Amino acid sequence: MYTVLVVDDEAIVCQGIKEFLEMSDLNISQVFTAWNGYEALDYLRMETIDLVLTDIQMDGMNGIELMESILSEKPDIPVVVISAHDEFEYAQKCIRLGARDYLIKPVLLPQLVQVVGRELSERHEKYKRLLEDSLKLKFSMTGISSMRSYILNEIVTGSLEDTDDYLFIFEQIGLKLEGPYFATLVIELSWERAGIGGGAIQSLRDRNLLKYAAVNIIEETLAEWNAVAFYGQGNQIATIVQFHESEYAPGRAEHISKLNLIGKTLAANIQGYLHMEAVVGISPLRLGLQALPEGYRDAAKAVKWHALYANHNVFYAEDFSLKEASVQVNWQEKTDRFIESVKTGKKPEEAGETVRRFIADIAPVLESDDSTAGIPLSIAYRVYASLLEMKETVGDRHKALEPILFFQFPLTGDELKKRLAVFLSEAAELVHSSMSDHDQAVIQQSIAYIRLNFRNKGLKIQDVADHVHLSPNYLSYLFKQITAETVWEFVTKLRMEESRQLLMNTYKKRYEIADEVGYESPEHFSRVFKRYYGESPNTVRGS
């Protein structure tokens, strides 16, 4: 059963469409109505909506602004515009914001049924067919290791240095990378659970088939972005997204919003149609082909943050740059595994196992003679240096790990190994706790900003994200992770608590209270209030 949201400032239009859709044979269980963009966003944040039908010209937040917010917060929800404006400029802007169709008022009811029915079923059916076609196609490792994938991997890893050769190479493999701005995505597929059965994917053939299907889904999803997807190593797929000069013109916040939209859509589509989890790392937008290797490195690093944030699957590199600078440790060969633990801030119980493996790996060096003390001391000082870089969040806690004082030489081989294990465990715990402190500080800043601005009718998650210099996607995840409620649940709670106090302690009218706490209309305020408290504003005032 589907749920549809109709947004129009004419009550008679809303009610007419609502009644017509509910009586249709489109398997629609409920139709919500909103009189402007603000009310619509509340429904989108509180309900599971399958399709939005919206007007353009409305008081308060208009349809264009609503679509921009949907792109930022709920990019997977299709939108159909119903407007009295037949100018091409309006239609073009709506389509660029993701509108699936643009209908001119007055809309013929058979046409409305056709469009709504198509949008409710088309996306699922399209990817279902795509998956079936992909699984029918047999191919070998030669296909995965094709010349196209090989050359693109050489480019993003920085192996091809002469940019003058690029155009000739691209011509040979039928590829266009014109940009001039590029972002790189690394998509990491999980073989643990995939397919309708939900079992582990262990055979090479099955993994290749799913990888092939995922590439097709990525290219189909990102067709309008001129994206190029290709096979990376192991369970990874790399994707290059191109932006023209005109698309680069808007501000940084819009670029981040678009890239996060792309990442969230890819992860959702791979999960929805392959039943397989995908983690997406996203690089910032950069100018020129020569920036592709740096973008690829950024995206590959961003994917690794899934080790810390297991419930999150889209990672924009710049959200983590400050953390990564803080926890960067430059180990040598045998310490690579431990590096990743420190860089990604693994949980204490996971870091403990990493420390044990690392100590076992270098045991022959530690157990030889006292002259080897220089190696563990060098390791310890590298870790200590990383703690000093995190001084703003670590504070004075790093002083207890000053290596000379901590190790108290001379030590025997066994004593040295035990002491190094304790040192690394305490350092890993300190890194993890300091990163948690950083996240807590960001959320406290967000909460303070929301408390100052929750009465603003136009408050958006993008506003809060801009205030703390994060993407809306990552802020939403972090806020829920730390507070156990979404950003908008917190905003609603503040509005409801204040409105209840005003109802009980003042003689202000309902419309005055609605306006004061951030609602466009008293009717919508009453609906939200009753949903939140289980009783109407009039009942609360009369009790």
Protein backbone atom coordinates (compact mmCIF):
# COMPACT_ATOMS: atom_id res chain seq x y z
CA MET A 1 0.00 0.00 0.00
CA TYR A 2 1.24 3.48 -0.90
CA THR A 3 1.09 6.84 0.88
CA VAL A 4 0.86 10.09 -1.10
CA LEU A 5 1.34 13.70 0.03
CA VAL A 6 -0.54 16.49 -1.80
CA VAL A 7 0.78 20.05 -1.30
CA ASP A 8 -1.32 23.02 -2.48
CA ASP A 9 -2.43 26.27 -0.85
CA GLU A 10 -5.94 25.82 -2.26
CA ALA A 11 -7.86 23.59 0.16
CA ILE A 12 -10.40 22.59 -2.48
CA VAL A 13 -7.60 21.33 -4.76
CA CYS A 14 -5.99 19.31 -1.97
CA GLN A 15 -9.28 17.74 -0.94
CA GLY A 16 -10.31 16.99 -4.52
CA ILE A 17 -7.05 15.19 -5.36
CA LYS A 18 -7.11 13.38 -2.01
CA GLU A 19 -10.62 11.99 -2.53
CA PHE A 20 -9.96 11.04 -6.13
CA LEU A 21 -6.73 9.15 -5.36
CA GLU A 22 -8.23 7.34 -2.38
CA MET A 23 -11.09 6.11 -4.57
CA SER A 24 -8.76 5.00 -7.39
CA ASP A 25 -7.46 1.46 -7.86
CA LEU A 26 -3.81 2.49 -7.32
CA ASN A 27 -3.39 0.62 -4.03
CA ILE A 28 -3.10 3.91 -2.09
CA SER A 29 -3.80 3.54 1.63
CA GLN A 30 -3.61 7.20 2.67
CA VAL A 31 -3.34 10.67 1.16
CA PHE A 32 -2.02 13.49 3.36
CA THR A 33 -2.63 17.14 2.46
CA ALA A 34 -0.49 20.19 3.27
CA TRP A 35 -1.13 23.85 2.45
CA ASN A 36 2.50 24.92 2.07
CA GLY A 37 6.06 23.62 2.06
CA TYR A 38 6.52 23.89 5.83
CA GLU A 39 3.56 21.64 6.54
CA ALA A 40 4.71 19.25 3.83
CA LEU A 41 8.16 18.91 5.40
CA ASP A 42 6.59 18.02 8.74
CA TYR A 43 4.67 15.19 7.08
CA LEU A 44 7.78 14.02 5.24
CA ARG A 45 9.69 13.92 8.52
CA MET A 46 6.95 12.15 10.48
CA GLU A 47 5.38 9.78 7.93
CA THR A 48 6.53 7.29 5.32
CA ILE A 49 5.68 9.01 2.04
CA ASP A 50 5.94 7.25 -1.34
CA LEU A 51 5.10 10.18 -3.65
CA VAL A 52 4.73 13.98 -3.38
CA LEU A 53 2.38 16.03 -5.59
CA THR A 54 3.11 19.74 -5.15
CA ASP A 55 2.07 23.14 -6.46
CA ILE A 56 4.72 25.81 -7.12
CA GLN A 57 3.21 29.12 -6.00
CA MET A 58 2.41 28.91 -2.27
CA ASP A 59 2.79 31.28 0.66
CA GLY A 60 5.64 30.64 3.06
CA MET A 61 7.81 27.91 1.56
CA ASN A 62 6.95 27.49 -2.12
CA GLY A 63 7.20 24.36 -4.23
CA ILE A 64 10.71 25.06 -5.51
CA GLU A 65 12.03 25.50 -1.96
CA LEU A 66 10.17 22.37 -0.89
CA MET A 67 11.82 20.35 -3.65
CA GLU A 68 15.25 21.65 -2.61
CA SER A 69 14.58 20.48 0.95
CA ILE A 70 13.34 17.08 -0.26
CA LEU A 71 16.54 16.67 -2.28
CA SER A 72 18.56 17.36 0.86
CA GLU A 73 16.56 15.31 3.37
CA LYS A 74 14.54 12.68 1.45
CA PRO A 75 16.14 12.29 -2.00
CA ASP A 76 14.54 8.91 -2.65
CA ILE A 77 10.98 10.31 -2.67
CA PRO A 78 9.71 11.11 -6.21
CA VAL A 79 8.01 14.48 -6.78
CA VAL A 80 5.40 15.42 -9.39
CA VAL A 81 4.66 19.12 -9.89
CA ILE A 82 1.09 20.34 -10.52
CA SER A 83 1.17 24.03 -11.41
CA ALA A 84 -0.74 26.78 -13.17
CA HIS A 85 2.57 28.06 -14.61
CA ASP A 86 3.22 26.79 -18.10
CA GLU A 87 6.47 28.75 -18.63
CA PHE A 88 9.41 26.60 -19.73
CA GLU A 89 11.66 28.20 -17.10
CA TYR A 90 9.54 26.85 -14.24
CA ALA A 91 9.36 23.37 -15.73
CA GLN A 92 13.11 23.30 -16.40
CA LYS A 93 13.96 24.30 -12.85
CA CYS A 94 11.62 21.67 -11.41
CA ILE A 95 13.08 18.94 -13.59
CA ARG A 96 16.61 19.94 -12.52
CA LEU A 97 15.49 19.59 -8.91
CA GLY A 98 14.37 16.04 -9.56
CA ALA A 99 10.68 16.42 -10.51
CA ARG A 100 9.46 13.28 -12.24
CA ASP A 101 6.74 15.12 -14.17
CA TYR A 102 5.26 18.61 -14.61
CA LEU A 103 1.47 18.82 -14.99
CA ILE A 104 -0.39 22.00 -15.93
CA LYS A 105 -3.60 22.95 -14.10
CA PRO A 106 -6.39 22.12 -14.57
CA VAL A 107 -5.23 18.49 -14.58
CA LEU A 108 -7.39 15.88 -16.24
CA LEU A 109 -8.13 13.17 -13.68
CA PRO A 110 -7.26 10.24 -16.00
CA GLN A 111 -3.89 11.89 -16.66
CA LEU A 112 -3.30 12.30 -12.92
CA VAL A 113 -4.06 8.62 -12.27
CA GLN A 114 -1.73 7.59 -15.06
CA VAL A 115 1.20 9.70 -13.77
CA VAL A 116 0.74 8.73 -10.11
CA GLY A 117 0.41 5.05 -10.96
CA ARG A 118 3.50 5.17 -13.12
CA GLU A 119 5.63 6.85 -10.45
CA LEU A 120 4.53 4.49 -7.69
CA SER A 121 5.59 1.40 -9.62
CA GLU A 122 8.13 2.43 -12.27
CA ARG A 123 11.30 2.71 -10.18
CA HIS A 124 11.00 -0.70 -8.58
CA GLU A 125 10.10 -2.43 -11.81
CA LYS A 126 12.93 -0.77 -13.72
CA TYR A 127 15.61 -1.99 -11.37
CA LYS A 128 14.00 -5.39 -11.05
CA ARG A 129 14.33 -5.83 -14.82
CA LEU A 130 17.87 -4.48 -14.73
CA LEU A 131 18.88 -7.02 -12.10
CA GLU A 132 17.26 -9.89 -14.00
CA ASP A 133 19.10 -8.92 -17.18
CA SER A 134 22.38 -8.60 -15.31
CA LEU A 135 22.11 -12.00 -13.68
CA LYS A 136 21.35 -13.64 -17.02
CA LEU A 137 24.54 -12.27 -18.55
CA LYS A 138 27.52 -14.56 -18.17
CA PHE A 139 30.93 -12.99 -18.18
CA SER A 140 34.43 -13.88 -17.08
CA MET A 141 37.15 -12.09 -15.14
CA THR A 142 38.33 -10.82 -18.51
CA GLY A 143 35.23 -8.61 -18.61
CA ILE A 144 35.99 -7.14 -15.22
CA SER A 145 39.62 -6.61 -16.20
CA SER A 146 38.66 -4.91 -19.46
CA MET A 147 40.81 -2.22 -21.03
CA ARG A 148 38.32 0.44 -19.93
CA SER A 149 38.50 -0.53 -16.26
CA TYR A 150 42.25 -0.96 -16.45
CA ILE A 151 42.85 2.52 -17.88
CA LEU A 152 40.45 4.21 -15.48
CA ASN A 153 42.15 2.50 -12.53
CA GLU A 154 45.52 3.66 -13.83
CA ILE A 155 44.20 7.23 -14.03
CA VAL A 156 42.64 7.40 -10.55
CA THR A 157 45.67 5.79 -8.92
CA GLY A 158 47.95 8.37 -10.54
CA SER A 159 49.86 5.94 -12.73
CA LEU A 160 49.30 7.95 -15.93
CA GLU A 161 51.10 11.25 -15.47
CA ASP A 162 51.05 12.73 -18.98
CA THR A 163 47.65 14.42 -19.26
CA ASP A 164 48.29 15.10 -22.95
CA ASP A 165 47.66 11.42 -23.62
CA TYR A 166 44.25 11.38 -21.95
CA LEU A 167 42.15 12.49 -24.91
CA PHE A 168 43.78 9.93 -27.20
CA ILE A 169 43.32 7.16 -24.63
CA PHE A 170 39.69 8.09 -24.02
CA GLU A 171 39.01 8.08 -27.74
CA GLN A 172 40.37 4.53 -28.00
CA ILE A 173 37.99 3.21 -25.33
CA GLY A 174 34.98 5.36 -26.29
CA LEU A 175 34.98 7.42 -23.11
CA LYS A 176 34.27 11.11 -22.46
CA LEU A 177 35.53 12.85 -19.33
CA GLU A 178 34.96 16.53 -20.05
CA GLY A 179 34.16 17.87 -16.57
CA PRO A 180 35.84 20.20 -16.01
CA TYR A 181 34.96 19.50 -12.35
CA PHE A 182 35.02 15.97 -10.98
CA ALA A 183 34.08 14.10 -7.83
CA THR A 184 35.15 10.52 -7.19
CA LEU A 185 33.10 7.90 -5.35
CA VAL A 186 34.29 4.57 -4.01
CA ILE A 187 31.47 2.07 -3.44
CA GLU A 188 32.35 -0.90 -1.24
CA LEU A 189 30.01 -3.89 -1.53
CA SER A 190 29.38 -6.26 1.37
CA TRP A 191 29.57 -9.96 0.53
CA GLU A 192 28.24 -10.98 3.97
CA ARG A 193 24.56 -10.75 3.02
CA ALA A 194 23.23 -10.30 -0.50
CA GLY A 195 20.53 -11.46 -2.84
CA ILE A 196 16.98 -12.44 -2.02
CA GLY A 197 18.17 -15.27 0.23
CA GLY A 198 20.30 -12.91 2.30
CA GLY A 199 23.21 -15.36 2.52
CA ALA A 200 26.95 -14.78 2.22
CA ILE A 201 28.31 -14.50 -1.33
CA GLN A 202 31.31 -16.82 -1.46
CA SER A 203 31.80 -17.92 -5.06
CA LEU A 204 33.81 -15.77 -7.44
CA ARG A 205 31.17 -16.13 -10.14
CA ASP A 206 28.36 -14.84 -7.90
CA ARG A 207 30.49 -11.93 -6.72
CA ASN A 208 31.30 -11.00 -10.31
CA LEU A 209 27.63 -11.15 -11.28
CA LEU A 210 26.61 -8.90 -8.39
CA LYS A 211 29.46 -6.54 -9.13
CA TYR A 212 28.35 -6.33 -12.75
CA ALA A 213 24.75 -5.69 -11.68
CA ALA A 214 25.90 -2.99 -9.24
CA VAL A 215 27.85 -1.16 -11.97
CA ASN A 216 24.74 -1.18 -14.17
CA ILE A 217 22.60 0.17 -11.33
CA ILE A 218 25.16 2.90 -10.63
CA GLU A 219 25.36 4.01 -14.26
CA GLU A 220 21.57 3.88 -14.66
CA THR A 221 21.03 5.87 -11.46
CA LEU A 222 23.61 8.51 -12.36
CA ALA A 223 22.90 8.79 -16.08
CA GLU A 224 22.04 12.50 -15.86
CA TRP A 225 25.31 13.20 -14.02
CA ASN A 226 27.49 11.84 -16.87
CA ALA A 227 28.94 9.35 -14.42
CA VAL A 228 31.50 6.69 -15.30
CA ALA A 229 31.52 3.56 -13.12
CA PHE A 230 34.24 0.91 -13.27
CA TYR A 231 35.52 -2.06 -11.32
CA GLY A 232 38.02 -1.49 -8.55
CA GLN A 233 39.90 -4.05 -6.51
CA GLY A 234 38.09 -6.75 -4.57
CA ASN A 235 34.62 -5.65 -3.53
CA GLN A 236 35.01 -2.04 -4.65
CA ILE A 237 33.55 -0.07 -7.54
CA ALA A 238 34.83 3.40 -8.41
CA THR A 239 32.71 6.12 -10.00
CA ILE A 240 33.64 9.48 -11.51
CA VAL A 241 30.91 12.14 -11.55
CA GLN A 242 31.28 15.15 -13.87
CA PHE A 243 30.08 18.71 -13.30
CA HIS A 244 29.97 21.47 -15.93
CA GLU A 245 31.05 25.04 -15.21
CA SER A 246 27.42 26.13 -14.76
CA GLU A 247 26.82 23.38 -12.20
CA TYR A 248 29.89 24.41 -10.22
CA ALA A 249 28.72 28.02 -9.85
CA PRO A 250 26.50 27.49 -6.74
CA GLY A 251 28.02 27.42 -3.27
CA ARG A 252 29.89 24.71 -1.40
CA ALA A 253 26.80 23.69 0.57
CA GLU A 254 24.89 22.87 -2.63
CA HIS A 255 27.79 20.79 -3.97
CA ILE A 256 27.94 18.80 -0.74
CA SER A 257 24.16 18.34 -0.82
CA LYS A 258 24.24 17.05 -4.40
CA LEU A 259 27.12 14.65 -3.71
CA ASN A 260 25.46 13.29 -0.58
CA LEU A 261 22.22 12.89 -2.54
CA ILE A 262 24.13 10.83 -5.12
CA GLY A 263 25.73 8.68 -2.41
CA LYS A 264 22.49 8.05 -0.54
CA THR A 265 20.62 7.21 -3.75
CA LEU A 266 23.30 4.73 -4.85
CA ALA A 267 23.39 2.99 -1.46
CA ALA A 268 19.58 2.81 -1.35
CA ASN A 269 19.27 1.43 -4.89
CA ILE A 270 21.95 -1.24 -4.40
CA GLN A 271 20.30 -2.27 -1.13
CA GLY A 272 16.81 -2.18 -2.62
CA TYR A 273 17.49 -4.15 -5.78
CA LEU A 274 20.47 -6.36 -4.93
CA HIS A 275 19.62 -6.76 -1.22
CA MET A 276 23.24 -5.94 -0.49
CA GLU A 277 24.75 -3.30 1.77
CA ALA A 278 26.97 -0.74 0.06
CA VAL A 279 29.24 1.81 1.74
CA VAL A 280 29.91 4.97 -0.29
CA GLY A 281 32.93 7.25 0.14
CA ILE A 282 32.72 10.64 -1.61
CA SER A 283 35.50 13.07 -2.48
CA PRO A 284 35.07 16.86 -2.67
CA LEU A 285 34.54 18.43 -6.08
CA ARG A 286 37.85 19.31 -7.79
CA LEU A 287 38.95 20.92 -11.05
CA GLY A 288 40.65 18.95 -13.81
CA LEU A 289 41.58 15.37 -14.63
CA GLN A 290 44.85 15.79 -12.75
CA ALA A 291 42.83 15.98 -9.50
CA LEU A 292 41.28 12.52 -9.97
CA PRO A 293 43.99 10.60 -8.03
CA GLU A 294 43.59 12.88 -5.02
CA GLY A 295 39.82 12.53 -5.21
CA TYR A 296 40.10 8.75 -5.40
CA ARG A 297 42.36 8.67 -2.33
CA ASP A 298 39.90 10.87 -0.42
CA ALA A 299 36.94 8.65 -1.33
CA ALA A 300 38.83 5.45 -0.46
CA LYS A 301 39.77 6.87 2.94
CA ALA A 302 36.20 8.02 3.57
CA VAL A 303 34.89 4.46 3.08
CA LYS A 304 37.09 3.27 5.95
CA TRP A 305 35.13 5.36 8.44
CA HIS A 306 32.42 2.70 8.24
CA ALA A 307 34.57 0.72 10.67
CA LEU A 308 33.70 3.29 13.35
CA TYR A 309 30.21 4.30 12.22
CA ALA A 310 28.78 0.89 11.38
CA ASN A 311 25.19 2.14 11.09
CA HIS A 312 26.11 4.84 8.56
CA ASN A 313 26.89 4.07 4.92
CA VAL A 314 27.56 7.37 3.11
CA PHE A 315 30.74 9.27 4.00
CA TYR A 316 31.73 12.64 2.56
CA ALA A 317 35.52 12.98 2.90
CA GLU A 318 35.57 16.54 4.26
CA ASP A 319 33.28 15.55 7.15
CA PHE A 320 36.19 13.51 8.47
CA SER A 321 39.25 15.53 7.42
CA LEU A 322 39.73 17.17 10.83
CA LYS A 323 39.42 13.85 12.61
CA GLU A 324 41.78 12.16 10.20
CA ALA A 325 44.35 14.91 10.64
CA SER A 326 44.06 14.35 14.37
CA VAL A 327 44.51 10.59 14.33
CA GLN A 328 46.97 10.20 11.44
CA VAL A 329 49.81 7.91 12.46
CA ASN A 330 52.64 7.12 10.04
CA TRP A 331 53.47 3.45 10.83
CA GLN A 332 55.79 1.30 8.80
CA GLU A 333 55.07 -2.01 7.01
CA LYS A 334 53.98 -4.32 9.82
CA THR A 335 51.94 -1.65 11.59
CA ASP A 336 49.48 -1.02 8.74
CA ARG A 337 46.65 -2.88 10.44
CA PHE A 338 47.15 -0.94 13.62
CA ILE A 339 47.22 2.32 11.66
CA GLU A 340 43.75 1.63 10.32
CA SER A 341 42.47 0.96 13.82
CA VAL A 342 43.80 4.29 15.08
CA LYS A 343 42.83 6.26 11.96
CA THR A 344 39.27 4.99 11.96
CA GLY A 345 38.95 5.14 15.74
CA LYS A 346 37.75 1.56 16.23
CA LYS A 347 35.77 0.74 19.33
CA PRO A 348 37.88 -0.30 22.35
CA GLU A 349 37.02 -4.00 22.14
CA GLU A 350 37.95 -4.08 18.44
CA ALA A 351 41.11 -2.04 18.98
CA GLY A 352 42.19 -4.48 21.69
CA GLU A 353 42.21 -7.35 19.21
CA THR A 354 44.14 -5.22 16.71
CA VAL A 355 46.78 -4.46 19.37
CA ARG A 356 47.16 -8.16 20.16
CA ARG A 357 47.65 -9.03 16.49
CA PHE A 358 50.16 -6.24 16.04
CA ILE A 359 52.20 -7.28 19.09
CA ALA A 360 52.23 -10.89 17.89
CA ASP A 361 53.39 -9.75 14.46
CA ILE A 362 56.43 -7.88 15.78
CA ALA A 363 57.16 -10.36 18.61
CA PRO A 364 60.47 -11.60 17.08
CA VAL A 365 61.83 -8.05 17.14
CA LEU A 366 60.70 -7.40 20.70
CA GLU A 367 62.11 -10.66 22.02
CA SER A 368 65.60 -10.47 20.51
CA ASP A 369 67.64 -8.23 22.85
CA ASP A 370 67.62 -4.89 24.64
CA SER A 371 68.97 -3.04 21.62
CA THR A 372 65.56 -3.42 19.97
CA ALA A 373 64.04 -1.00 22.48
CA GLY A 374 64.47 1.74 19.89
CA ILE A 375 61.78 0.22 17.65
CA PRO A 376 58.95 0.09 20.22
CA LEU A 377 59.99 3.48 21.55
CA SER A 378 59.81 4.88 18.00
CA ILE A 379 56.35 3.35 17.61
CA ALA A 380 55.29 4.82 20.96
CA TYR A 381 56.53 8.30 20.04
CA ARG A 382 54.64 8.22 16.74
CA VAL A 383 51.46 7.38 18.62
CA TYR A 384 52.23 10.04 21.21
CA ALA A 385 52.76 12.61 18.44
CA SER A 386 49.29 11.82 17.09
CA LEU A 387 47.84 12.43 20.56
CA LEU A 388 49.56 15.81 20.69
CA GLU A 389 47.91 16.71 17.37
CA MET A 390 44.57 15.98 19.04
CA LYS A 391 45.37 18.18 22.02
CA GLU A 392 42.22 20.27 21.64
CA THR A 393 40.02 17.25 22.31
CA VAL A 394 42.43 15.08 24.31
CA GLY A 395 43.42 17.85 26.72
CA ASP A 396 46.03 16.88 29.33
CA ARG A 397 45.17 13.20 29.18
CA HIS A 398 48.05 12.57 26.78
CA LYS A 399 50.63 13.40 29.47
CA ALA A 400 50.13 10.03 31.16
CA LEU A 401 51.39 8.37 27.96
CA GLU A 402 54.67 10.30 27.61
CA PRO A 403 56.86 7.37 26.39
CA ILE A 404 60.00 7.86 28.51
CA LEU A 405 57.94 8.08 31.70
CA PHE A 406 55.52 5.36 30.64
CA PHE A 407 58.11 2.70 29.72
CA GLN A 408 60.66 3.36 32.52
CA PHE A 409 63.63 1.71 30.81
CA PRO A 410 65.52 -0.62 31.03
CA LEU A 411 63.04 -3.40 30.30
CA THR A 412 63.49 -7.03 29.23
CA GLY A 413 61.97 -8.32 26.00
CA ASP A 414 58.87 -9.76 27.72
CA GLU A 415 58.40 -6.66 29.86
CA LEU A 416 58.80 -4.43 26.81
CA LYS A 417 56.19 -6.36 24.86
CA LYS A 418 53.68 -6.25 27.71
CA ARG A 419 54.31 -2.56 28.34
CA LEU A 420 53.96 -1.69 24.64
CA ALA A 421 50.66 -3.59 24.48
CA VAL A 422 49.34 -1.60 27.44
CA PHE A 423 50.59 1.65 25.88
CA LEU A 424 48.93 0.97 22.52
CA SER A 425 45.66 -0.12 24.15
CA GLU A 426 45.50 3.02 26.29
CA ALA A 427 46.40 5.21 23.31
CA ALA A 428 43.68 3.60 21.15
CA GLU A 429 41.14 4.11 23.93
CA LEU A 430 42.20 7.75 24.28
CA VAL A 431 41.86 8.31 20.51
CA HIS A 432 38.41 6.73 20.52
CA SER A 433 37.19 8.68 23.54
CA SER A 434 38.57 11.97 22.19
CA MET A 435 36.79 11.43 18.87
CA SER A 436 33.60 10.76 20.82
CA ASP A 437 34.23 14.01 22.69
CA HIS A 438 34.59 15.82 19.36
CA ASP A 439 31.31 14.38 18.09
CA GLN A 440 29.60 15.31 21.35
CA ALA A 441 30.89 18.88 21.03
CA VAL A 442 29.53 19.15 17.47
CA ILE A 443 26.11 17.91 18.55
CA GLN A 444 26.05 20.28 21.52
CA GLN A 445 26.75 23.16 19.10
CA SER A 446 23.91 21.89 16.90
CA ILE A 447 21.54 21.66 19.86
CA ALA A 448 22.43 25.19 20.98
CA TYR A 449 21.76 26.51 17.45
CA ILE A 450 18.42 24.68 17.26
CA ARG A 451 17.34 26.04 20.66
CA LEU A 452 17.96 29.56 19.38
CA ASN A 453 16.22 29.02 16.04
CA PHE A 454 13.49 26.36 16.45
CA ARG A 455 10.78 29.06 16.33
CA ASN A 456 11.87 29.98 12.80
CA LYS A 457 9.30 28.60 10.32
CA GLY A 458 11.98 28.27 7.65
CA LEU A 459 14.47 26.29 9.73
CA LYS A 460 16.08 23.48 7.70
CA ILE A 461 18.60 20.77 8.51
CA GLN A 462 20.91 22.46 5.99
CA ASP A 463 20.96 25.56 8.24
CA VAL A 464 22.08 23.52 11.25
CA ALA A 465 24.65 21.62 9.16
CA ASP A 466 26.12 24.86 7.81
CA HIS A 467 26.46 26.18 11.37
CA VAL A 468 28.64 23.22 12.44
CA HIS A 469 30.38 22.85 9.03
CA LEU A 470 29.09 19.35 8.25
CA SER A 471 26.97 17.91 5.47
CA PRO A 472 23.26 17.46 6.31
CA ASN A 473 23.60 13.73 5.72
CA TYR A 474 26.40 13.24 8.24
CA LEU A 475 24.91 15.63 10.79
CA SER A 476 21.61 13.73 10.65
CA TYR A 477 23.40 10.46 11.27
CA LEU A 478 25.59 11.82 14.08
CA PHE A 479 22.67 13.57 15.79
CA LYS A 480 20.60 10.36 15.84
CA GLN A 481 23.60 8.30 16.96
CA ILE A 482 24.31 10.52 19.98
CA THR A 483 20.86 11.78 21.01
CA ALA A 484 18.73 8.78 19.93
CA GLU A 485 16.37 11.14 18.06
CA THR A 486 16.48 12.82 14.68
CA VAL A 487 17.17 16.52 14.21
CA TRP A 488 13.54 17.13 13.34
CA GLU A 489 12.23 15.08 16.24
CA PHE A 490 14.25 17.37 18.51
CA VAL A 491 12.90 20.51 16.79
CA THR A 492 9.34 19.19 17.13
CA LYS A 493 9.90 18.37 20.81
CA LEU A 494 11.04 21.94 21.53
CA ARG A 495 8.07 23.39 19.66
CA MET A 496 5.61 21.12 21.41
CA GLU A 497 7.02 21.74 24.90
CA GLU A 498 6.93 25.51 24.44
CA SER A 499 3.44 25.48 22.92
CA ARG A 500 2.14 23.39 25.84
CA GLN A 501 3.56 25.89 28.32
CA LEU A 502 1.97 28.77 26.40
CA LEU A 503 -1.39 27.00 26.34
CA MET A 504 -1.35 26.33 30.08
CA ASN A 505 0.17 29.60 31.32
CA THR A 506 -1.02 32.33 28.92
CA TYR A 507 -4.24 33.51 27.29
CA LYS A 508 -2.72 33.62 23.81
CA LYS A 509 -4.92 32.36 21.01
CA ARG A 510 -4.15 29.16 19.17
CA TYR A 511 -3.04 30.94 15.99
CA GLU A 512 -0.71 33.18 18.02
CA ILE A 513 0.92 30.19 19.70
CA ALA A 514 1.25 28.35 16.38
CA ASP A 515 2.99 31.35 14.84
CA GLU A 516 5.22 31.85 17.88
CA VAL A 517 6.59 28.30 17.94
CA GLY A 518 7.19 28.04 14.18
CA TYR A 519 4.04 26.76 12.47
CA GLU A 520 2.51 28.40 9.43
CA SER A 521 -1.11 27.59 10.24
CA PRO A 522 -3.04 26.86 13.47
CA GLU A 523 -4.68 23.83 11.83
CA HIS A 524 -1.35 22.20 11.09
CA PHE A 525 -0.07 23.09 14.56
CA SER A 526 -3.11 21.37 16.08
CA ARG A 527 -2.53 18.21 14.04
CA VAL A 528 1.11 17.98 15.09
CA PHE A 529 0.22 18.76 18.72
CA LYS A 530 -2.41 16.03 18.89
CA ARG A 531 -0.09 13.53 17.25
CA TYR A 532 2.65 14.39 19.75
CA TYR A 533 0.61 14.52 22.98
CA GLY A 534 -2.41 12.42 22.09
CA GLU A 535 -4.79 15.29 22.91
CA SER A 536 -5.75 18.55 21.23
CA PRO A 537 -4.55 22.04 22.26
CA ASN A 538 -8.09 22.88 23.43
CA THR A 539 -8.13 19.84 25.70
CA VAL A 540 -4.79 20.79 27.26
CA ARG A 541 -5.92 24.37 27.84
CA GLY A 542 -9.18 23.26 29.38
CA SER A 543 -7.65 20.70 31.74
